[in-house]
Protein backbone atom coordinates (compact mmCIF):
# COMPACT_ATOMS: atom_id res chain seq x y z
CA MET A 1 38.21 -83.68 32.43
CA HIS A 2 35.32 -81.90 33.16
CA ARG A 3 36.99 -79.49 34.56
CA ALA A 4 39.64 -79.25 31.15
CA LEU A 5 36.39 -78.71 29.37
CA VAL A 6 34.86 -75.93 31.42
CA VAL A 7 38.34 -74.00 31.19
CA MET A 8 38.74 -74.52 26.98
CA LEU A 9 34.86 -73.33 26.71
CA LEU A 10 36.12 -69.87 28.91
CA LEU A 11 38.79 -69.85 26.24
CA GLY A 12 36.75 -70.04 23.59
CA CYS A 13 34.28 -67.73 24.60
CA GLY A 14 36.91 -64.78 25.56
CA GLY A 15 38.07 -65.14 22.07
CA SER A 16 35.14 -64.53 20.59
CA LYS A 17 34.88 -61.44 22.50
CA GLU A 18 37.60 -59.98 21.91
CA GLU A 19 37.56 -60.69 18.32
CA THR A 20 33.93 -59.06 18.21
CA ALA A 21 35.20 -56.07 20.00
CA GLN A 22 38.10 -55.25 17.67
CA LYS A 23 35.34 -55.47 14.58
CA GLU A 24 33.04 -53.06 16.10
CA LYS A 25 36.61 -51.04 16.72
CA ALA A 26 37.28 -51.70 13.02
CA GLU A 27 33.99 -50.70 12.06
CA LYS A 28 33.34 -47.63 13.28
CA ALA A 29 37.02 -46.21 12.56
CA GLU A 30 35.19 -46.87 8.92
CA LYS A 31 32.51 -45.02 9.45
CA PRO A 32 33.76 -41.47 11.02
CA ASP A 33 31.04 -39.64 13.74
CA LYS A 34 28.92 -37.73 10.91
CA PRO A 35 29.20 -33.40 11.18
CA ALA A 36 26.41 -32.27 13.72
CA LYS A 37 23.36 -30.39 12.59
CA ALA A 38 23.36 -27.04 11.19
CA GLU A 39 21.45 -24.29 13.10
CA PRO A 40 19.57 -22.83 10.47
CA PRO A 41 20.38 -18.70 10.59
CA ALA A 42 18.49 -16.37 12.89
CA LYS A 43 15.23 -14.32 11.07
CA LYS A 44 15.62 -10.75 10.66
CA PRO A 45 13.25 -8.99 13.03
CA ALA A 46 10.36 -7.02 10.92
CA ALA A 47 11.93 -3.68 11.46
CA GLU A 48 14.43 -4.42 9.05
CA LEU A 49 11.92 -5.06 6.86
CA PHE A 50 10.78 -1.55 6.48
CA THR A 51 13.51 0.60 4.67
CA GLY A 52 13.92 4.23 3.13
CA ALA A 53 12.89 7.27 4.78
CA ALA A 54 9.98 8.21 3.33
CA VAL A 55 7.00 5.58 3.79
CA ALA A 56 7.99 3.18 1.19
CA LEU A 57 6.16 -0.83 0.53
CA PRO A 58 8.78 -3.86 1.79
CA ALA A 59 11.25 -5.23 -0.84
CA PRO A 60 8.52 -8.38 -1.84
CA VAL A 61 5.53 -5.93 -2.21
CA ALA A 62 8.23 -3.26 -3.81
CA LYS A 63 6.95 -3.54 -7.29
CA LEU A 64 3.30 -3.70 -6.76
CA ARG A 65 1.44 -0.59 -6.67
CA LEU A 66 -2.03 0.02 -6.05
CA GLU A 67 -4.14 0.41 -8.75
CA MET A 68 -1.98 -1.81 -10.36
CA ALA A 69 -3.61 -4.27 -12.86
CA GLU A 70 -3.95 -7.91 -11.49
CA ALA A 71 -2.27 -9.95 -14.69
CA ASP A 72 1.07 -7.14 -13.95
CA ALA A 73 1.11 -7.88 -10.04
CA ARG A 74 1.05 -11.38 -9.79
CA ALA A 75 3.80 -11.00 -12.95
CA ALA A 76 5.55 -8.93 -11.07
CA ALA A 77 5.52 -10.36 -7.37
CA PRO A 78 4.02 -14.33 -7.94
CA GLU A 79 5.86 -15.75 -4.72
CA VAL A 80 3.11 -12.97 -2.54
CA PHE A 81 0.00 -14.36 -4.70
CA ALA A 82 1.11 -18.00 -4.43
CA LYS A 83 0.20 -17.82 -0.89
CA GLN A 84 -3.76 -18.02 0.44
CA TYR A 85 -3.62 -16.14 3.13
CA GLY A 86 -1.02 -14.08 3.26
CA TYR A 87 2.85 -14.33 2.48
CA GLU A 88 5.07 -15.15 5.19
CA VAL A 89 8.55 -13.13 3.66
CA PRO A 90 11.17 -15.55 4.11
CA GLY A 91 14.65 -14.42 6.38
CA PHE A 92 11.95 -12.68 9.06
CA ASP A 93 10.02 -12.67 11.92
CA LYS A 94 6.78 -12.24 13.07
CA VAL A 95 5.69 -10.64 9.56
CA LYS A 96 2.92 -11.62 6.77
CA LEU A 97 1.85 -9.61 3.81
CA HIS A 98 -1.14 -9.70 2.36
CA VAL A 99 -2.09 -8.29 -1.09
CA GLN A 100 -5.86 -7.75 -1.67
CA LEU A 101 -7.28 -8.26 -5.11
CA GLN A 102 -10.77 -6.02 -6.14
CA GLY A 103 -12.31 -5.53 -9.78
CA ALA A 104 -8.80 -7.52 -11.43
CA ARG A 105 -7.00 -4.60 -9.28
CA VAL A 106 -4.71 -4.31 -6.11
CA ALA A 107 -7.10 -2.75 -3.61
CA SER A 108 -5.02 -3.32 -0.97
CA ILE A 109 -1.82 -3.55 0.39
CA ARG A 110 -1.08 -4.68 3.97
CA ALA A 111 1.54 -5.68 6.64
CA GLU A 112 0.28 -8.03 9.67
CA ILE A 113 3.25 -7.92 12.42
CA ALA A 114 3.62 -9.78 15.84
CA GLU A 115 4.71 -7.37 17.78
CA PRO A 116 2.78 -4.71 20.24
CA VAL A 117 1.58 -1.91 18.50
CA ALA A 118 3.61 0.83 20.47
CA ALA A 119 7.24 -0.95 19.84
CA VAL A 120 6.08 -1.03 15.90
CA LYS A 121 5.58 2.64 16.14
CA ALA A 122 9.04 3.76 17.76
CA TRP A 123 10.81 1.91 15.24
CA LEU A 124 8.79 2.95 12.41
CA ALA A 125 9.14 6.36 13.98
CA LYS A 126 12.97 6.40 13.93
CA GLN A 127 12.79 5.25 10.22
CA TRP A 128 9.80 8.09 8.51
CA GLY A 129 9.75 9.96 11.62
CA GLU A 130 6.63 11.11 13.84
CA PRO A 131 3.32 9.90 12.71
CA LYS A 132 0.00 11.63 12.44
CA ALA A 133 -2.36 11.13 15.09
CA VAL A 134 -5.20 9.63 13.78
CA LYS A 135 -8.34 8.68 16.38
CA GLU A 136 -6.38 5.64 17.76
CA ALA A 137 -4.45 4.71 14.33
CA HIS A 138 -0.76 6.59 13.42
CA VAL A 139 -0.30 7.89 10.40
CA TRP A 140 2.61 8.48 7.76
CA ASN A 141 2.01 10.74 4.66
CA ALA A 142 4.61 10.52 2.09
CA PRO A 143 3.50 12.14 -1.37
CA SER A 144 6.72 11.74 -2.58
CA THR A 145 6.14 8.39 -2.95
CA GLY A 146 2.35 8.20 -3.00
CA LEU A 147 2.21 6.52 -0.55
CA ARG A 148 0.25 6.49 3.47
CA ALA A 149 0.87 4.28 5.82
CA LYS A 150 -1.58 3.44 8.78
CA LEU A 151 -0.77 1.57 11.93
CA GLU A 152 -3.47 -0.18 14.27
CA GLY A 153 -3.18 -2.77 16.18
CA SER A 154 -3.03 -3.78 20.66
CA GLU A 155 -0.39 -4.88 22.79
CA ARG A 156 -0.21 -8.33 21.09
CA SER A 157 -0.33 -7.31 17.52
CA ALA A 158 -0.14 -4.34 14.91
CA ASN A 159 -1.48 -4.17 10.88
CA LEU A 160 0.04 -1.46 9.11
CA TYR A 161 -2.19 -0.48 5.94
CA PHE A 162 -0.91 1.60 2.55
CA SER A 163 -2.60 3.23 0.51
CA GLN A 164 -2.39 6.18 -1.27
CA VAL A 165 -1.89 9.41 -0.68
CA GLN A 166 -0.45 13.05 -2.72
CA SER A 167 0.11 17.22 -1.44
CA LEU A 168 -2.40 19.73 -2.97
CA ASP A 169 -0.55 21.02 -5.01
CA GLN A 170 -0.20 17.17 -6.68
CA LEU A 171 -4.61 17.47 -6.23
CA LEU A 172 -4.62 20.89 -7.95
CA GLY A 173 -1.54 21.91 -9.96
CA THR A 174 0.40 25.03 -9.75
CA GLU A 175 0.66 26.50 -12.98
CA GLY A 176 -1.43 27.26 -15.76
CA LYS A 177 -5.53 26.42 -15.72
CA GLN A 178 -4.89 22.49 -15.36
CA PHE A 179 -5.10 21.05 -12.52
CA GLY A 180 -2.72 18.50 -11.50
CA PHE A 181 -4.66 15.37 -12.05
CA GLU A 182 -4.94 16.26 -15.39
CA LYS A 183 -2.84 14.54 -17.97
CA ALA A 184 -3.99 16.87 -20.48
CA PRO A 185 -6.72 19.39 -20.16
CA LEU A 186 -9.87 17.35 -19.59
CA ILE A 187 -12.70 19.88 -21.88
CA GLY A 188 -12.30 18.58 -25.34
CA THR A 189 -10.93 15.05 -24.75
CA ARG A 190 -12.71 12.26 -26.67
CA ARG A 191 -14.19 9.58 -24.65
CA ASP A 192 -11.71 7.38 -25.44
CA ASP A 193 -8.87 8.82 -24.36
CA LEU A 194 -10.16 9.82 -21.21
CA MET A 195 -10.46 6.95 -20.26
CA LYS A 196 -6.55 5.76 -21.43
CA ALA A 197 -5.57 8.93 -19.91
CA PHE A 198 -7.19 8.03 -16.23
CA ALA A 199 -7.51 4.18 -16.69
CA ALA A 200 -4.95 4.38 -13.24
CA TYR A 201 -8.40 6.12 -12.06
CA ARG A 202 -10.68 3.59 -12.81
CA PRO A 203 -13.39 5.31 -15.02
CA THR A 204 -16.72 3.99 -14.50
CA PRO A 205 -19.73 5.28 -16.41
CA ARG A 206 -22.91 5.44 -14.33
CA ALA A 207 -25.18 2.98 -14.99
CA GLN A 208 -28.37 5.40 -15.15
CA ASP A 209 -26.32 7.47 -17.34
CA PRO A 210 -23.53 6.33 -19.02
CA ASP A 211 -22.42 9.87 -20.14
CA SER A 212 -21.11 10.58 -16.66
CA ILE A 213 -17.99 8.60 -15.77
CA THR A 214 -16.71 8.56 -12.30
CA MET A 215 -13.69 8.14 -10.85
CA THR A 216 -12.19 8.18 -7.54
CA LEU A 217 -8.89 10.15 -6.69
CA PRO A 218 -6.42 9.73 -3.50
CA ALA A 219 -6.81 11.47 -0.18
CA ILE A 220 -4.64 14.44 0.01
CA GLU A 221 -2.85 14.77 3.29
CA ALA A 222 -5.24 16.57 5.54
CA SER A 223 -8.27 14.01 4.72
CA GLU A 224 -8.25 10.45 5.76
CA TYR A 225 -10.76 9.88 3.02
CA THR A 226 -10.40 10.19 -1.18
CA SER A 227 -11.86 12.73 -3.15
CA SER A 228 -13.66 11.99 -6.39
CA LEU A 229 -13.86 13.24 -10.44
CA ASP A 230 -17.53 13.21 -12.47
CA VAL A 231 -16.50 14.39 -16.07
CA ARG A 232 -19.53 14.91 -18.45
CA VAL A 233 -19.66 13.83 -21.80
CA LYS A 234 -21.55 14.80 -24.92
CA ARG A 235 -21.48 13.88 -28.30
CA ASP A 236 -18.14 11.91 -27.12
CA VAL A 237 -16.04 14.52 -25.96
CA VAL A 238 -16.04 15.84 -22.16
CA THR A 239 -17.56 18.99 -22.36
CA GLY A 240 -16.84 19.89 -18.52
CA PHE A 241 -16.80 18.56 -14.65
CA THR A 242 -17.33 18.18 -11.29
CA LEU A 243 -14.18 17.67 -8.55
CA GLN A 244 -15.23 16.97 -4.77
CA ILE A 245 -12.19 17.39 -2.31
CA ASN A 246 -12.74 15.70 1.36
CA PHE A 247 -10.38 18.53 2.68
CA GLY A 248 -10.51 17.10 6.53
CA ASP A 249 -11.24 19.68 8.66
CA ASP A 250 -8.39 22.24 7.53
CA GLN A 251 -9.72 25.54 6.34
CA ALA A 252 -6.21 26.27 5.21
CA VAL A 253 -6.71 23.73 2.54
CA ASN A 254 -9.82 25.51 1.76
CA ALA A 255 -7.91 29.24 1.45
CA ALA A 256 -5.44 27.46 -0.32
CA ILE A 257 -8.01 25.95 -2.89
CA VAL A 258 -10.00 29.47 -3.86
CA LYS A 259 -6.21 30.65 -4.04
CA ARG A 260 -5.66 28.54 -6.84
CA LEU A 261 -9.29 28.49 -8.34
CA GLU A 262 -8.72 32.59 -8.58
CA ALA A 263 -5.29 32.07 -10.32
CA MET A 264 -7.75 29.23 -13.04
CA TYR A 265 -10.40 30.95 -13.62
CA GLY A 266 -10.07 34.50 -12.45
CA LYS A 267 -11.33 37.02 -9.36
CA PRO A 268 -15.48 35.39 -8.00
CA THR A 269 -18.14 36.61 -7.11
CA ALA A 270 -19.80 35.42 -4.06
CA ASN A 271 -23.05 34.50 -2.12
CA ASP A 272 -23.85 32.61 0.86
CA MET A 273 -23.35 29.46 -0.97
CA TYR A 274 -20.58 29.88 -4.06
CA LEU A 275 -17.95 31.26 -5.52
CA THR A 276 -18.66 32.00 -9.06
CA PHE A 277 -15.58 32.16 -10.79
CA PRO A 278 -15.90 33.89 -15.05
CA GLY A 279 -13.44 31.55 -16.87
CA PRO A 280 -12.80 30.29 -18.86
CA PRO A 281 -14.25 27.74 -18.88
CA PRO A 282 -17.10 28.92 -16.29
CA ALA A 283 -16.34 27.87 -12.93
CA LYS A 284 -18.18 27.22 -9.67
CA ALA A 285 -17.35 26.39 -6.26
CA GLU A 286 -18.84 25.59 -2.58
CA ILE A 287 -16.45 25.83 -0.03
CA ARG A 288 -17.52 24.30 3.13
CA LYS A 289 -16.92 25.33 6.61
CA ASP A 290 -17.49 22.77 8.58
CA ALA A 291 -15.61 19.21 8.49
CA GLY A 292 -17.51 15.85 7.11
CA PHE A 293 -18.71 17.19 3.85
CA PRO A 294 -16.10 17.95 0.79
CA ASP A 295 -15.22 20.66 -1.80
CA VAL A 296 -17.23 20.80 -4.35
CA ILE A 297 -15.85 22.74 -7.58
CA TRP A 298 -18.09 22.53 -11.35
CA VAL A 299 -16.13 23.47 -14.37
CA GLY A 300 -17.47 24.13 -17.60
CA ASP A 301 -20.74 22.67 -18.81
CA TYR A 302 -20.85 19.93 -16.20
CA ARG A 303 -24.81 19.56 -16.44
CA LYS A 304 -26.08 16.56 -18.34
């Protein structure tokens, strides 16, 4: 009797295991295997973000301009300004964009690239041509787009800084008695019209002399430094101005400046320091032979 009971128990256990296995098999058939998780697409190299045959801003900030009003900049690229410590461009590897605001305007744009500076220089040179060596930096000038790109860095990372640039012809103009930066003849312009027409250059009345309005002009190709313009206002009308041009160390630039001034204001007389042009309007220039000091041009009634 005991033997029969043991056999029955064993048979019962065996039946239970078989039923369980069949049940698990049926459940598995009802639940198909989950599909494998898709791998995220590979990120593009930073080099593909910088396009065009001349210096241009990368796509995420292409709608921005240096000196652009802050409100306009935020409206044009809201996703860029949403990031506090730089904008990591979606779909691209090792590149972050930084836009700095100052005085409610776009002051600077920088691309931070986590690649050796030599590698970045090599692929930018293929895109924009060979750069100019300036101290320990590599510089590309593109007056056609109004942009300069300056590359600095190390064996670990690189920074590409964008700034404004113009050709000497764009600054001086090539025809008539009007400089290239003049939206309309400066002398004779009313103060309010001046402030509107030259808004991109941030016209600022001097604190101690509010009838002297100063502005910063983009650097020319030959210099790493900007030029400046001081406008004299009397009885609410511009009577004259002072232009300072940073020419780098290129004396060919100075020769071109003198030639253009002659075309505008007549053949000058010279002394040890100045060239005096008869006009009208009368003009005077100090053309420097030593780098580090700007050329200075005075036109019309520029004194206080």
